[in-house]
Amino acid sequence: MTTTVLVAGATGDLGTRIVRALLTHDAHVRVLTRSASSPAAARLVAEAGGDGPTAGESRLSVVEASYDDHAALVTALAGVDVVVSAVSGARPVIVDAQTALLRAAVDAGVRRFVPSDYSADYRSTTPGTNRNFELRREFAATLDAAPVRATSVLNGAFTDMLTGQAPMILFGRRRVLFWSSADQVLDFTTKDDVARTTAHVALDHEAPRVVEVAGDRVTARSVADTLSRLTGTRFRTQWAGTTGTLSAMARIGRRLSSDDPADPFPAWQGMQYFVTMFSGEGELHHVRDDRYGDEHWTTVRDVLAAHLGTDRA
């Protein structure tokens, strides 16, 4: 029987990838948007329409509803088997909007819910050390009390961050920063691999409460070694302090920050994420990359080689 999946946050970066991954399976996909005229939603429909005779409107549709309109949400969720949330934000989104979506899903008779976690293991982090994880933990408590079957996807950090916003690799200085230990295991997964896994989870009616995957598991030391081989130039690790010091810096940065409190990724939040990773608190301990068969996983080396435009052995 074909599964009907509603994707919230479908026009965002990860959400779009999840929709595309779902359309490679026998699934009906509904894109939830606040505006039916969304250009991003229109592009997804156009893509689906180009996939053959089983695609188009029969495979993907757009439904319009605001998170503060319970009746409209219930209508949008009618006949849906599983909700996949890929929304991104701070409290108004991760807690408030997802709670509204969950309540509507319950009233519409939806059986399963995949929350917007897609992170390191937030369940055991020390309170006060990571705002975004605390929001996920708060919503998880609400989700676990609801009469739906929930599955969270935990994947560590997005590998894509290593060549972008995460200041761990200083390419110009040929340094790889670490806090406390250069040998702490760090979990990374690309957004495309997370999207593929999430599609499998959405269609797996027996999926457990948590599915852990890691496209690659590395250390700061192994990343430096990989960069040295890729570039032919020695990259070294550089101690940047302890995780305790970094946590204190994040607290000060948060207190003094003039950033929008609704911004999900201010600079101090990035510091908090590194605290979670390098302290080991967010490390995944039940990774099952083979749960959905023999998949190709993009490694940290793959991402760095693509960024550098090289493929040295």
Protein backbone atom coordinates (compact mmCIF):
# COMPACT_ATOMS: atom_id res chain seq x y z
CA MET A 1 0.00 0.00 0.00
CA THR A 2 1.37 3.43 -0.98
CA THR A 3 2.25 5.63 1.97
CA THR A 4 1.13 9.26 2.08
CA VAL A 5 3.77 11.50 3.64
CA LEU A 6 3.30 15.15 4.56
CA VAL A 7 6.56 17.09 4.74
CA ALA A 8 6.65 20.27 6.83
CA GLY A 9 9.51 22.60 6.01
CA ALA A 10 9.62 20.99 2.57
CA THR A 11 10.86 24.11 0.80
CA GLY A 12 13.92 24.47 3.03
CA ASP A 13 17.34 23.03 2.23
CA LEU A 14 16.94 19.69 4.02
CA GLY A 15 13.19 19.50 3.41
CA THR A 16 13.62 19.78 -0.35
CA ARG A 17 16.14 16.94 -0.27
CA ILE A 18 13.75 14.80 1.77
CA VAL A 19 10.93 15.38 -0.74
CA ARG A 20 13.21 14.39 -3.61
CA ALA A 21 14.32 11.26 -1.75
CA LEU A 22 10.71 10.27 -1.03
CA LEU A 23 9.82 10.61 -4.71
CA THR A 24 12.33 7.88 -5.56
CA HIS A 25 10.03 5.52 -3.65
CA ASP A 26 6.40 4.54 -4.05
CA ALA A 27 5.04 7.36 -1.92
CA HIS A 28 2.53 10.17 -2.20
CA VAL A 29 4.06 13.40 -0.90
CA ARG A 30 2.24 16.45 0.37
CA VAL A 31 4.23 19.66 0.72
CA LEU A 32 2.92 21.83 3.55
CA THR A 33 3.35 25.53 2.89
CA ARG A 34 1.94 28.75 4.28
CA SER A 35 1.36 29.96 0.71
CA ALA A 36 0.18 27.80 -2.16
CA SER A 37 1.97 30.18 -4.54
CA SER A 38 5.38 29.46 -3.02
CA PRO A 39 7.98 29.42 -5.86
CA ALA A 40 9.97 26.72 -4.06
CA ALA A 41 6.89 24.48 -3.80
CA ALA A 42 6.14 25.09 -7.47
CA ARG A 43 9.66 23.94 -8.37
CA LEU A 44 9.15 20.70 -6.44
CA VAL A 45 5.89 20.05 -8.29
CA ALA A 46 7.60 20.75 -11.60
CA GLU A 47 10.40 18.33 -10.73
CA ALA A 48 7.93 15.62 -9.76
CA GLY A 49 6.00 16.16 -12.98
CA GLY A 50 9.11 15.37 -14.98
CA ASP A 51 9.68 11.95 -13.46
CA GLY A 52 7.34 9.90 -15.64
CA PRO A 53 3.71 8.74 -15.83
CA THR A 54 3.45 7.98 -12.09
CA ALA A 55 4.72 11.42 -11.07
CA GLY A 56 3.11 14.84 -11.14
CA GLU A 57 0.00 15.62 -9.16
CA SER A 58 -0.63 11.93 -8.39
CA ARG A 59 2.71 11.77 -6.55
CA LEU A 60 3.16 15.25 -5.12
CA SER A 61 0.72 17.92 -4.07
CA VAL A 62 0.91 21.22 -2.22
CA VAL A 63 -1.36 21.96 0.74
CA GLU A 64 -1.66 25.38 2.35
CA ALA A 65 -2.08 25.96 6.08
CA SER A 66 -0.73 28.23 8.78
CA TYR A 67 0.57 26.72 11.99
CA ASP A 68 -1.80 28.90 13.99
CA ASP A 69 -4.84 27.62 12.03
CA HIS A 70 -5.68 24.28 13.64
CA ALA A 71 -8.64 23.53 11.39
CA ALA A 72 -6.63 24.16 8.22
CA LEU A 73 -3.82 21.95 9.50
CA VAL A 74 -6.23 19.11 10.27
CA THR A 75 -7.66 19.39 6.76
CA ALA A 76 -4.18 19.36 5.23
CA LEU A 77 -3.34 16.23 7.22
CA ALA A 78 -6.46 14.25 6.34
CA GLY A 79 -5.48 10.85 4.96
CA VAL A 80 -1.79 11.26 5.80
CA ASP A 81 0.08 8.22 7.16
CA VAL A 82 3.21 9.95 8.44
CA VAL A 83 4.32 13.51 9.08
CA VAL A 84 7.97 14.35 8.40
CA SER A 85 9.03 17.63 9.96
CA ALA A 86 12.05 19.40 8.48
CA VAL A 87 11.35 22.84 9.90
CA SER A 88 14.26 24.93 11.13
CA GLY A 89 14.27 27.65 13.74
CA ALA A 90 14.33 28.40 17.44
CA ARG A 91 11.49 28.04 20.00
CA PRO A 92 8.68 29.49 17.83
CA VAL A 93 9.40 26.77 15.27
CA ILE A 94 10.93 23.74 17.00
CA VAL A 95 8.55 23.83 19.97
CA ASP A 96 5.53 25.96 19.07
CA ALA A 97 5.02 25.17 15.37
CA GLN A 98 5.82 21.48 15.77
CA THR A 99 3.45 21.21 18.73
CA ALA A 100 0.68 22.75 16.62
CA LEU A 101 1.49 20.32 13.81
CA LEU A 102 1.49 17.38 16.22
CA ARG A 103 -1.90 18.30 17.71
CA ALA A 104 -3.39 18.59 14.25
CA ALA A 105 -1.84 15.25 13.26
CA VAL A 106 -3.43 13.57 16.28
CA ASP A 107 -6.84 15.04 15.45
CA ALA A 108 -6.47 13.99 11.80
CA GLY A 109 -5.66 10.40 12.79
CA VAL A 110 -2.05 10.42 11.56
CA ARG A 111 -0.24 7.38 12.92
CA ARG A 112 3.43 8.41 12.75
CA PHE A 113 5.54 11.55 13.26
CA VAL A 114 9.20 12.22 12.42
CA PRO A 115 10.34 15.37 14.28
CA SER A 116 12.91 17.86 13.05
CA ASP A 117 15.88 16.54 15.02
CA TYR A 118 18.61 15.61 12.48
CA SER A 119 21.43 16.23 14.92
CA ALA A 120 23.88 14.74 17.36
CA ASP A 121 22.40 12.88 20.34
CA TYR A 122 20.67 15.69 22.23
CA ARG A 123 19.17 13.37 24.84
CA SER A 124 22.18 13.28 27.17
CA THR A 125 23.60 16.79 26.83
CA THR A 126 24.19 18.83 29.96
CA PRO A 127 21.38 21.38 30.53
CA GLY A 128 22.42 24.87 29.52
CA THR A 129 25.14 23.78 27.10
CA ASN A 130 23.11 23.72 23.87
CA ARG A 131 19.94 25.76 23.33
CA ASN A 132 18.85 24.01 20.14
CA PHE A 133 19.21 20.59 21.73
CA GLU A 134 17.18 21.65 24.74
CA LEU A 135 14.37 22.74 22.41
CA ARG A 136 14.45 19.34 20.72
CA ARG A 137 14.39 17.61 24.08
CA GLU A 138 11.42 19.72 25.16
CA PHE A 139 9.43 18.87 22.05
CA ALA A 140 10.42 15.20 22.33
CA ALA A 141 8.68 15.06 25.72
CA THR A 142 5.50 16.43 24.14
CA LEU A 143 5.80 14.02 21.22
CA ASP A 144 6.33 10.99 23.46
CA ALA A 145 3.13 11.83 25.35
CA ALA A 146 1.06 11.93 22.16
CA PRO A 147 -0.82 8.93 20.71
CA VAL A 148 1.43 8.63 17.65
CA ARG A 149 4.45 6.50 16.83
CA ALA A 150 7.52 8.73 16.72
CA THR A 151 10.93 8.20 15.12
CA SER A 152 13.84 10.63 15.40
CA VAL A 153 16.75 10.61 12.98
CA LEU A 154 20.08 11.36 14.67
CA ASN A 155 23.06 11.85 12.37
CA GLY A 156 25.69 13.90 14.17
CA ALA A 157 26.63 17.14 12.43
CA PHE A 158 26.10 17.85 8.74
CA THR A 159 29.35 17.08 6.91
CA ASP A 160 28.68 20.08 4.66
CA MET A 161 29.45 22.34 7.64
CA LEU A 162 33.14 21.43 7.52
CA THR A 163 33.65 23.48 4.37
CA GLY A 164 31.25 26.24 5.30
CA GLN A 165 30.05 27.78 8.52
CA ALA A 166 31.86 25.54 11.00
CA PRO A 167 35.24 27.12 11.89
CA MET A 168 36.96 23.82 12.60
CA ILE A 169 39.19 23.75 9.51
CA LEU A 170 41.42 26.76 8.82
CA PHE A 171 42.31 25.99 5.20
CA GLY A 172 44.57 29.03 4.73
CA ARG A 173 46.59 28.27 7.86
CA ARG A 174 46.55 24.48 7.29
CA ARG A 175 45.19 23.85 10.76
CA VAL A 176 42.38 21.71 12.16
CA LEU A 177 41.08 23.04 15.47
CA PHE A 178 40.04 20.83 18.37
CA TRP A 179 38.84 21.34 21.91
CA SER A 180 40.04 19.12 24.78
CA SER A 181 40.98 16.08 22.64
CA ALA A 182 42.12 15.65 19.05
CA ASP A 183 41.02 12.01 19.26
CA GLN A 184 37.37 12.54 20.23
CA VAL A 185 35.11 10.69 17.77
CA LEU A 186 32.96 13.07 15.73
CA ASP A 187 29.88 11.94 13.76
CA PHE A 188 29.17 13.55 10.38
CA THR A 189 26.54 12.89 7.71
CA THR A 190 25.77 14.85 4.54
CA LYS A 191 22.33 16.39 4.08
CA ASP A 192 21.63 14.15 1.07
CA ASP A 193 22.40 11.03 3.12
CA VAL A 194 20.22 12.30 5.97
CA ALA A 195 17.40 12.95 3.49
CA ARG A 196 17.72 9.44 2.04
CA THR A 197 17.62 7.92 5.53
CA THR A 198 14.62 10.04 6.51
CA ALA A 199 12.73 8.83 3.43
CA HIS A 200 13.43 5.23 4.45
CA VAL A 201 12.28 5.99 8.00
CA ALA A 202 9.07 7.60 6.76
CA LEU A 203 8.21 4.46 4.82
CA ASP A 204 9.31 2.05 7.57
CA HIS A 205 6.20 1.44 9.66
CA GLU A 206 8.30 -0.55 12.16
CA ALA A 207 10.98 2.11 12.63
CA PRO A 208 12.15 2.42 16.27
CA ARG A 209 11.97 5.57 18.38
CA VAL A 210 15.47 6.60 17.25
CA VAL A 211 17.43 5.75 14.12
CA GLU A 212 21.13 6.66 14.34
CA VAL A 213 23.30 6.96 11.24
CA ALA A 214 26.72 8.43 10.56
CA GLY A 215 28.05 8.89 7.07
CA ASP A 216 31.51 9.07 8.59
CA ARG A 217 33.10 8.96 12.03
CA VAL A 218 36.35 10.89 12.31
CA THR A 219 38.56 12.77 14.73
CA ALA A 220 40.27 16.13 14.39
CA ARG A 221 43.54 14.21 13.97
CA SER A 222 42.19 12.03 11.17
CA VAL A 223 40.72 15.07 9.41
CA ALA A 224 44.15 16.72 9.46
CA ASP A 225 45.70 13.54 8.04
CA THR A 226 43.07 13.42 5.30
CA LEU A 227 43.69 17.04 4.34
CA SER A 228 47.45 16.42 4.27
CA ARG A 229 46.97 13.55 1.81
CA LEU A 230 44.49 15.48 -0.35
CA THR A 231 46.62 18.61 -0.66
CA GLY A 232 50.12 17.20 -0.42
CA THR A 233 50.75 19.83 2.26
CA ARG A 234 51.00 19.13 5.98
CA PHE A 235 47.88 20.05 7.97
CA ARG A 236 48.32 20.06 11.74
CA THR A 237 45.89 19.89 14.62
CA GLN A 238 45.71 22.92 16.87
CA TRP A 239 44.40 22.93 20.43
CA ALA A 240 41.84 25.71 20.80
CA GLY A 241 41.10 25.23 24.50
CA THR A 242 38.91 22.95 26.57
CA THR A 243 35.23 22.30 26.02
CA GLY A 244 34.63 23.95 29.40
CA THR A 245 36.29 27.15 28.18
CA LEU A 246 34.33 27.02 24.92
CA SER A 247 31.08 26.51 26.82
CA ALA A 248 31.83 29.58 28.95
CA MET A 249 32.59 31.61 25.82
CA ALA A 250 29.27 30.50 24.31
CA ARG A 251 27.39 31.60 27.44
CA ILE A 252 29.06 35.02 27.34
CA GLY A 253 28.42 35.33 23.61
CA ARG A 254 24.77 34.48 24.09
CA ARG A 255 24.41 37.01 26.90
CA LEU A 256 26.03 39.80 24.90
CA SER A 257 24.59 38.86 21.53
CA SER A 258 22.44 41.31 19.59
CA ASP A 259 21.32 38.54 17.21
CA ASP A 260 17.66 37.86 16.60
CA PRO A 261 16.61 35.40 19.36
CA ALA A 262 14.68 33.49 16.67
CA ASP A 263 17.90 32.89 14.70
CA PRO A 264 18.58 29.14 14.93
CA PHE A 265 22.32 29.40 14.26
CA PRO A 266 24.01 32.47 15.80
CA ALA A 267 27.75 32.24 16.37
CA TRP A 268 27.37 31.22 20.01
CA GLN A 269 25.12 28.32 18.98
CA GLY A 270 27.93 27.03 16.78
CA MET A 271 30.19 27.10 19.82
CA GLN A 272 27.60 25.13 21.77
CA TYR A 273 27.45 22.51 19.03
CA PHE A 274 31.21 22.01 19.17
CA VAL A 275 30.99 21.66 22.96
CA THR A 276 28.46 18.86 22.47
CA MET A 277 30.66 17.12 19.90
CA PHE A 278 34.08 17.48 21.48
CA SER A 279 32.85 16.70 24.99
CA GLY A 280 31.55 13.38 23.66
CA GLU A 281 28.07 14.04 25.07
CA GLY A 282 26.49 14.11 21.62
CA GLU A 283 28.35 11.09 20.25
CA LEU A 284 26.15 8.42 18.67
CA HIS A 285 26.43 4.99 20.27
CA HIS A 286 23.94 2.89 18.29
CA VAL A 287 24.77 3.68 14.67
CA ARG A 288 23.09 1.35 12.16
CA ASP A 289 24.11 2.46 8.69
CA ASP A 290 23.03 -0.92 7.32
CA ARG A 291 19.44 -0.70 8.59
CA TYR A 292 18.09 0.04 5.12
CA GLY A 293 20.51 -2.05 3.11
CA ASP A 294 23.89 -1.49 1.54
CA GLU A 295 23.84 2.25 0.90
CA HIS A 296 26.64 4.51 -0.33
CA TRP A 297 27.62 7.00 2.36
CA THR A 298 29.46 10.20 1.51
CA THR A 299 32.56 10.47 3.68
CA VAL A 300 34.32 13.46 5.14
CA ARG A 301 37.12 12.78 2.65
CA ASP A 302 34.62 12.93 -0.23
CA VAL A 303 33.33 16.32 0.90
CA LEU A 304 36.80 17.77 1.47
CA ALA A 305 38.06 16.48 -1.89
CA ALA A 306 35.12 18.07 -3.69
CA HIS A 307 35.71 21.35 -1.87
CA LEU A 308 39.40 21.36 -2.71
CA GLY A 309 38.86 20.22 -6.28
CA THR A 310 41.31 17.37 -5.86
CA ASP A 311 41.23 13.63 -5.40
CA ARG A 312 44.70 12.63 -4.29
CA ALA A 313 45.08 9.12 -2.89
